[in-house]
Amino acid sequence: MKKTFIITILISIILGLIFPFGDKIKFLLPILLSILLFFNFYEVNFNLKDFLRLEMLYFLIFGLGVLPFIIFVSTFFLPQDFRLGLFLIAITPTAIGASVVVRLLGGNIPFTIANTVFYNFLSIISYPLLLNIYFNKVESSVPVKQIFFNLLTMILLPFIISTIFKRIKIIKPFFSKVSKYINFLFIFIVFIAISSSAIYLRKTQFNILIIVILLTIVVAVLYFLTGFLLGKNIEYKKTLMSCLGQKNTGICIWIALSNFQPIVAISATLYIVIHHTINVILIYIFSRTNKKKKD
């Protein structure tokens, strides 16, 4: 987690607000995200036994059950698009790169990888299912089948291709080198999301926008805090904080922009800055704690 990455995200957000032409290039999102997922899957190694842990149920129960329900019920006063945006980020699976943060925090890396892989694949079902359950009876039209097949293609294909490429040893040094910088591709994805939403943002009432920003912060803190409270020891507290709180915002933004009004992506875009900021704070706190223990 580097400060330059956070600063670059902030710059891309500002540029997106200044240059609102994202609608014209948002068709690139599935391609860019597939490339990003390919390299992240390429770098991930996991063991099947890591899936057989009680803690694997926590994201299912709280990340997809209890917390989304609370968020849905408590945001009834918001305009439909903003409410949908908050709900989307709430049910979004763990970020593919969560293991990087967990490593810096001193958490359990094998469990993090297993949790990340499982729930990103489950999102092929959980996104359309939960959207249909919560939003099918309201004014928003949820293209369930379209979301399902888009996710199936975008997640499964990069995984299969990365698995094949892992077996080709001659290209490993090249891909390992490229993967160190590939996350900066996400910066462009953020720009597209903000740029696509810029016009709608300007039309949004200031007081509603402030409420959405504050609620997005609340959602982030709620998920990180839940992870901390669920941890049976300090190692799992560090791990579950990241597994629940750090979201695969790229997929969330793509779903929002591909299937709904661009303004639905606002919460996910705000969440990028929020969860990276929380990660930096956590890394700083635990690094100081570890340093004191050594002293």
Protein backbone atom coordinates (compact mmCIF):
# COMPACT_ATOMS: atom_id res chain seq x y z
CA MET A 1 0.00 0.00 0.00
CA LYS A 2 1.79 3.14 -1.15
CA LYS A 3 0.93 6.79 -0.62
CA THR A 4 1.50 7.44 -4.33
CA PHE A 5 -1.30 5.00 -5.18
CA ILE A 6 -3.77 6.90 -2.96
CA ILE A 7 -2.64 10.26 -4.36
CA THR A 8 -3.02 8.98 -7.92
CA ILE A 9 -6.56 7.81 -7.18
CA LEU A 10 -7.42 11.26 -5.83
CA ILE A 11 -5.98 12.87 -8.99
CA SER A 12 -8.01 10.52 -11.21
CA ILE A 13 -11.17 11.48 -9.28
CA ILE A 14 -10.46 15.19 -9.80
CA LEU A 15 -9.72 14.67 -13.51
CA GLY A 16 -12.90 12.62 -13.86
CA LEU A 17 -14.92 15.51 -12.44
CA ILE A 18 -13.23 17.99 -14.78
CA PHE A 19 -13.54 15.87 -17.94
CA PRO A 20 -17.01 14.23 -17.99
CA PHE A 21 -16.69 12.07 -21.12
CA GLY A 22 -16.57 8.67 -19.39
CA ASP A 23 -19.82 7.54 -21.01
CA LYS A 24 -18.01 7.35 -24.35
CA ILE A 25 -15.32 4.97 -23.10
CA LYS A 26 -17.09 2.97 -20.37
CA PHE A 27 -17.42 0.07 -22.86
CA LEU A 28 -13.74 -0.57 -22.03
CA LEU A 29 -14.53 -1.48 -18.42
CA PRO A 30 -15.11 -5.26 -18.89
CA ILE A 31 -11.85 -5.52 -20.87
CA LEU A 32 -9.82 -3.52 -18.35
CA LEU A 33 -11.25 -5.39 -15.38
CA SER A 34 -10.65 -8.76 -17.03
CA ILE A 35 -6.99 -7.82 -17.54
CA LEU A 36 -6.76 -6.66 -13.93
CA LEU A 37 -8.37 -9.87 -12.64
CA PHE A 38 -6.14 -12.02 -14.85
CA PHE A 39 -2.96 -10.63 -13.31
CA ASN A 40 -4.36 -10.73 -9.78
CA PHE A 41 -5.42 -14.37 -10.21
CA TYR A 42 -2.03 -15.11 -11.76
CA GLU A 43 -0.28 -13.93 -8.59
CA VAL A 44 -2.64 -15.77 -6.19
CA ASN A 45 -1.86 -19.26 -4.88
CA PHE A 46 -4.27 -21.05 -2.57
CA ASN A 47 -4.84 -24.45 -0.99
CA LEU A 48 -8.23 -26.21 -0.93
CA LYS A 49 -7.95 -26.89 2.82
CA ASP A 50 -8.00 -23.13 3.42
CA PHE A 51 -11.65 -23.12 2.31
CA LEU A 52 -12.67 -25.51 5.10
CA ARG A 53 -12.68 -23.04 7.98
CA LEU A 54 -15.51 -21.75 10.13
CA GLU A 55 -14.43 -18.17 9.44
CA MET A 56 -15.32 -18.67 5.77
CA LEU A 57 -18.99 -18.37 6.79
CA TYR A 58 -18.56 -14.89 8.26
CA PHE A 59 -18.69 -13.06 4.94
CA LEU A 60 -21.74 -15.07 3.92
CA ILE A 61 -23.62 -14.37 7.17
CA PHE A 62 -22.56 -10.78 7.80
CA GLY A 63 -21.15 -9.51 4.50
CA LEU A 64 -24.05 -10.79 2.39
CA GLY A 65 -26.76 -11.21 5.03
CA VAL A 66 -26.99 -9.08 8.16
CA LEU A 67 -25.15 -5.91 7.11
CA PRO A 68 -26.74 -5.48 3.63
CA PHE A 69 -30.18 -5.88 5.24
CA ILE A 70 -29.38 -3.17 7.80
CA ILE A 71 -28.09 -0.86 5.05
CA PHE A 72 -31.15 -1.48 2.85
CA VAL A 73 -33.60 -0.77 5.68
CA SER A 74 -31.77 2.29 7.03
CA THR A 75 -31.43 4.08 3.65
CA PHE A 76 -35.14 4.20 2.74
CA PHE A 77 -35.06 8.03 2.71
CA LEU A 78 -32.48 8.24 -0.13
CA PRO A 79 -33.23 8.56 -3.86
CA GLN A 80 -33.35 5.11 -5.47
CA ASP A 81 -30.04 5.35 -7.38
CA PHE A 82 -28.05 6.34 -4.29
CA ARG A 83 -29.69 3.63 -2.22
CA LEU A 84 -28.85 1.05 -4.88
CA GLY A 85 -25.25 2.28 -4.98
CA LEU A 86 -24.79 1.83 -1.23
CA PHE A 87 -26.36 -1.62 -1.37
CA LEU A 88 -24.10 -2.67 -4.27
CA ILE A 89 -20.92 -1.75 -2.40
CA ALA A 90 -22.27 -3.53 0.70
CA ILE A 91 -22.63 -6.88 -1.12
CA THR A 92 -19.40 -6.54 -3.10
CA PRO A 93 -16.86 -9.34 -2.42
CA THR A 94 -13.37 -8.97 -0.99
CA ALA A 95 -10.82 -7.13 -3.12
CA ILE A 96 -8.55 -9.44 -5.12
CA GLY A 97 -5.52 -7.65 -3.69
CA ALA A 98 -6.65 -7.93 -0.05
CA SER A 99 -3.85 -10.40 0.69
CA VAL A 100 -1.31 -7.61 0.11
CA VAL A 101 -2.83 -5.52 2.92
CA VAL A 102 -3.23 -8.56 5.19
CA ARG A 103 0.45 -9.36 4.70
CA LEU A 104 1.38 -5.82 5.77
CA LEU A 105 -0.94 -6.07 8.77
CA GLY A 106 0.45 -9.46 9.82
CA GLY A 107 -2.76 -11.43 9.27
CA ASN A 108 -3.51 -14.89 7.88
CA ILE A 109 -2.68 -14.83 4.15
CA PRO A 110 -3.87 -18.35 3.10
CA PHE A 111 -7.31 -17.73 4.61
CA THR A 112 -7.51 -14.31 2.95
CA ILE A 113 -6.78 -15.80 -0.47
CA ALA A 114 -9.35 -18.58 0.01
CA ASN A 115 -12.00 -16.07 1.17
CA THR A 116 -11.22 -13.74 -1.73
CA VAL A 117 -11.37 -16.40 -4.44
CA PHE A 118 -14.51 -18.09 -3.09
CA TYR A 119 -16.63 -14.96 -2.67
CA ASN A 120 -15.52 -13.38 -5.92
CA PHE A 121 -16.77 -16.49 -7.71
CA LEU A 122 -19.90 -16.56 -5.54
CA SER A 123 -20.62 -12.97 -6.61
CA ILE A 124 -21.65 -14.40 -9.99
CA ILE A 125 -24.72 -15.64 -8.10
CA SER A 126 -24.93 -13.29 -5.08
CA TYR A 127 -25.12 -10.03 -7.06
CA PRO A 128 -28.11 -10.94 -9.24
CA LEU A 129 -29.80 -12.94 -6.45
CA LEU A 130 -29.63 -10.22 -3.78
CA LEU A 131 -30.48 -7.44 -6.23
CA ASN A 132 -33.53 -9.41 -7.30
CA ILE A 133 -34.60 -10.05 -3.68
CA TYR A 134 -34.18 -6.46 -2.47
CA PHE A 135 -34.85 -4.33 -5.55
CA ASN A 136 -37.10 -6.33 -7.85
CA LYS A 137 -40.27 -4.97 -6.24
CA VAL A 138 -39.23 -1.33 -6.37
CA GLU A 139 -39.02 1.09 -9.28
CA SER A 140 -35.51 0.08 -10.29
CA SER A 141 -35.29 -2.48 -13.08
CA VAL A 142 -32.63 -5.07 -12.26
CA PRO A 143 -31.25 -6.99 -15.29
CA VAL A 144 -30.54 -10.17 -13.29
CA LYS A 145 -29.69 -12.48 -16.22
CA GLN A 146 -27.44 -9.89 -17.83
CA ILE A 147 -25.51 -9.34 -14.59
CA PHE A 148 -25.15 -13.10 -14.08
CA PHE A 149 -23.71 -13.83 -17.54
CA ASN A 150 -21.51 -10.72 -17.56
CA LEU A 151 -19.97 -11.71 -14.21
CA LEU A 152 -19.58 -15.32 -15.28
CA THR A 153 -17.62 -14.23 -18.34
CA MET A 154 -15.57 -11.54 -16.65
CA ILE A 155 -14.47 -13.60 -13.61
CA LEU A 156 -14.34 -17.17 -14.93
CA LEU A 157 -12.40 -16.49 -18.15
CA PRO A 158 -9.52 -14.58 -16.49
CA PHE A 159 -9.30 -17.32 -13.86
CA ILE A 160 -9.12 -20.14 -16.44
CA ILE A 161 -6.59 -18.30 -18.61
CA SER A 162 -4.41 -17.37 -15.61
CA THR A 163 -4.45 -21.02 -14.45
CA ILE A 164 -3.21 -22.14 -17.88
CA PHE A 165 -0.52 -19.44 -18.02
CA LYS A 166 0.76 -20.39 -14.56
CA ARG A 167 1.90 -23.70 -16.04
CA ILE A 168 4.07 -21.96 -18.65
CA LYS A 169 7.24 -21.27 -16.67
CA ILE A 170 9.07 -19.38 -19.41
CA ILE A 171 6.67 -16.41 -19.21
CA LYS A 172 6.52 -16.27 -15.40
CA PRO A 173 9.31 -13.66 -14.93
CA PHE A 174 7.64 -11.33 -17.43
CA PHE A 175 4.15 -11.61 -15.93
CA SER A 176 5.49 -11.31 -12.38
CA LYS A 177 7.20 -8.06 -13.34
CA VAL A 178 4.15 -6.66 -15.12
CA SER A 179 1.79 -7.62 -12.26
CA LYS A 180 3.66 -5.26 -9.91
CA TYR A 181 2.38 -2.31 -11.93
CA ILE A 182 -0.92 -3.64 -13.29
CA ASN A 183 -2.94 -2.31 -10.35
CA PHE A 184 -2.35 1.18 -11.70
CA LEU A 185 -4.72 0.15 -14.48
CA PHE A 186 -7.35 0.52 -11.77
CA ILE A 187 -6.61 4.26 -11.76
CA PHE A 188 -8.00 4.50 -15.29
CA ILE A 189 -11.06 2.48 -14.23
CA VAL A 190 -11.65 4.99 -11.42
CA PHE A 191 -11.37 7.85 -13.91
CA ILE A 192 -14.00 6.25 -16.18
CA ALA A 193 -16.35 5.75 -13.23
CA ILE A 194 -16.05 9.34 -12.00
CA SER A 195 -16.13 10.82 -15.48
CA SER A 196 -19.30 8.88 -16.32
CA SER A 197 -20.94 10.15 -13.13
CA ALA A 198 -19.71 13.76 -13.26
CA ILE A 199 -22.73 15.23 -15.07
CA TYR A 200 -25.13 13.47 -12.69
CA LEU A 201 -23.08 14.61 -9.69
CA ARG A 202 -23.42 18.24 -10.73
CA LYS A 203 -27.18 17.84 -10.96
CA THR A 204 -27.42 16.22 -7.52
CA GLN A 205 -28.50 18.29 -4.56
CA PHE A 206 -25.52 19.13 -2.36
CA ASN A 207 -27.18 17.96 0.86
CA ILE A 208 -28.00 14.53 -0.65
CA LEU A 209 -24.42 14.16 -1.91
CA ILE A 210 -23.02 14.92 1.55
CA ILE A 211 -25.37 12.32 3.06
CA VAL A 212 -24.18 9.69 0.55
CA ILE A 213 -20.52 10.47 1.32
CA LEU A 214 -21.15 10.14 5.06
CA LEU A 215 -23.17 6.93 4.62
CA THR A 216 -20.43 5.40 2.45
CA ILE A 217 -17.94 6.12 5.23
CA VAL A 218 -20.34 4.51 7.73
CA VAL A 219 -20.66 1.39 5.52
CA ALA A 220 -16.87 1.07 5.30
CA VAL A 221 -16.34 1.51 9.05
CA LEU A 222 -19.19 -0.94 9.77
CA TYR A 223 -17.59 -3.69 7.68
CA PHE A 224 -14.06 -3.16 9.00
CA LEU A 225 -15.34 -3.01 12.60
CA THR A 226 -17.45 -6.17 12.16
CA GLY A 227 -14.37 -8.02 10.91
CA PHE A 228 -12.39 -6.86 13.93
CA LEU A 229 -15.10 -7.95 16.38
CA LEU A 230 -15.50 -11.37 14.73
CA GLY A 231 -11.81 -12.24 14.95
CA LYS A 232 -11.00 -14.88 17.58
CA ASN A 233 -7.46 -13.53 18.04
CA ILE A 234 -5.40 -10.57 16.86
CA GLU A 235 -4.24 -12.43 13.73
CA TYR A 236 -7.81 -13.11 12.60
CA LYS A 237 -8.96 -9.64 13.64
CA LYS A 238 -6.44 -8.18 11.21
CA THR A 239 -7.46 -10.71 8.56
CA LEU A 240 -11.24 -10.38 8.84
CA MET A 241 -11.09 -6.58 8.91
CA SER A 242 -9.58 -6.65 5.45
CA CYS A 243 -11.73 -9.54 4.19
CA LEU A 244 -14.96 -7.74 5.10
CA GLY A 245 -13.93 -4.12 4.70
CA GLN A 246 -11.74 -4.12 1.62
CA LYS A 247 -14.03 -4.40 -1.41
CA ASN A 248 -13.54 -5.37 -5.05
CA THR A 249 -14.71 -1.92 -6.10
CA GLY A 250 -13.70 -2.50 -9.72
CA ILE A 251 -16.39 -5.13 -10.21
CA CYS A 252 -18.91 -3.03 -8.29
CA ILE A 253 -18.24 0.02 -10.48
CA TRP A 254 -18.50 -2.07 -13.63
CA ILE A 255 -21.86 -3.55 -12.57
CA ALA A 256 -23.17 -0.10 -11.68
CA LEU A 257 -22.07 1.51 -14.96
CA SER A 258 -23.04 -1.45 -17.15
CA ASN A 259 -26.53 -1.97 -15.77
CA PHE A 260 -27.72 1.22 -14.09
CA GLN A 261 -27.40 5.02 -14.18
CA PRO A 262 -23.75 6.19 -13.78
CA ILE A 263 -24.62 7.90 -10.50
CA VAL A 264 -25.15 4.44 -8.93
CA ALA A 265 -21.34 4.04 -9.12
CA ILE A 266 -20.72 7.03 -6.84
CA SER A 267 -20.69 5.04 -3.57
CA ALA A 268 -18.28 2.45 -5.00
CA THR A 269 -16.02 5.22 -6.31
CA LEU A 270 -16.03 6.98 -2.94
CA TYR A 271 -15.35 3.63 -1.27
CA ILE A 272 -12.07 3.32 -3.19
CA VAL A 273 -10.62 6.32 -1.38
CA ILE A 274 -12.23 5.39 1.94
CA HIS A 275 -11.06 1.77 2.20
CA HIS A 276 -7.54 2.62 1.02
CA THR A 277 -7.39 5.40 3.61
CA ILE A 278 -8.57 3.00 6.34
CA ASN A 279 -5.97 0.45 5.18
CA VAL A 280 -3.19 3.04 5.45
CA ILE A 281 -4.35 3.97 8.97
CA LEU A 282 -4.50 0.29 10.04
CA ILE A 283 -1.07 -0.47 8.59
CA TYR A 284 0.37 2.53 10.42
CA ILE A 285 -1.28 1.57 13.74
CA PHE A 286 -0.25 -2.10 13.65
CA SER A 287 3.26 -1.35 12.41
CA ARG A 288 3.76 0.96 15.40
CA THR A 289 2.28 -1.70 17.71
CA ASN A 290 4.64 -4.36 16.34
CA LYS A 291 7.58 -1.98 16.67
CA LYS A 292 6.78 -1.32 20.34
CA LYS A 293 6.57 -5.08 21.02
CA LYS A 294 10.02 -5.59 19.50
CA ASP A 295 11.42 -2.73 21.59
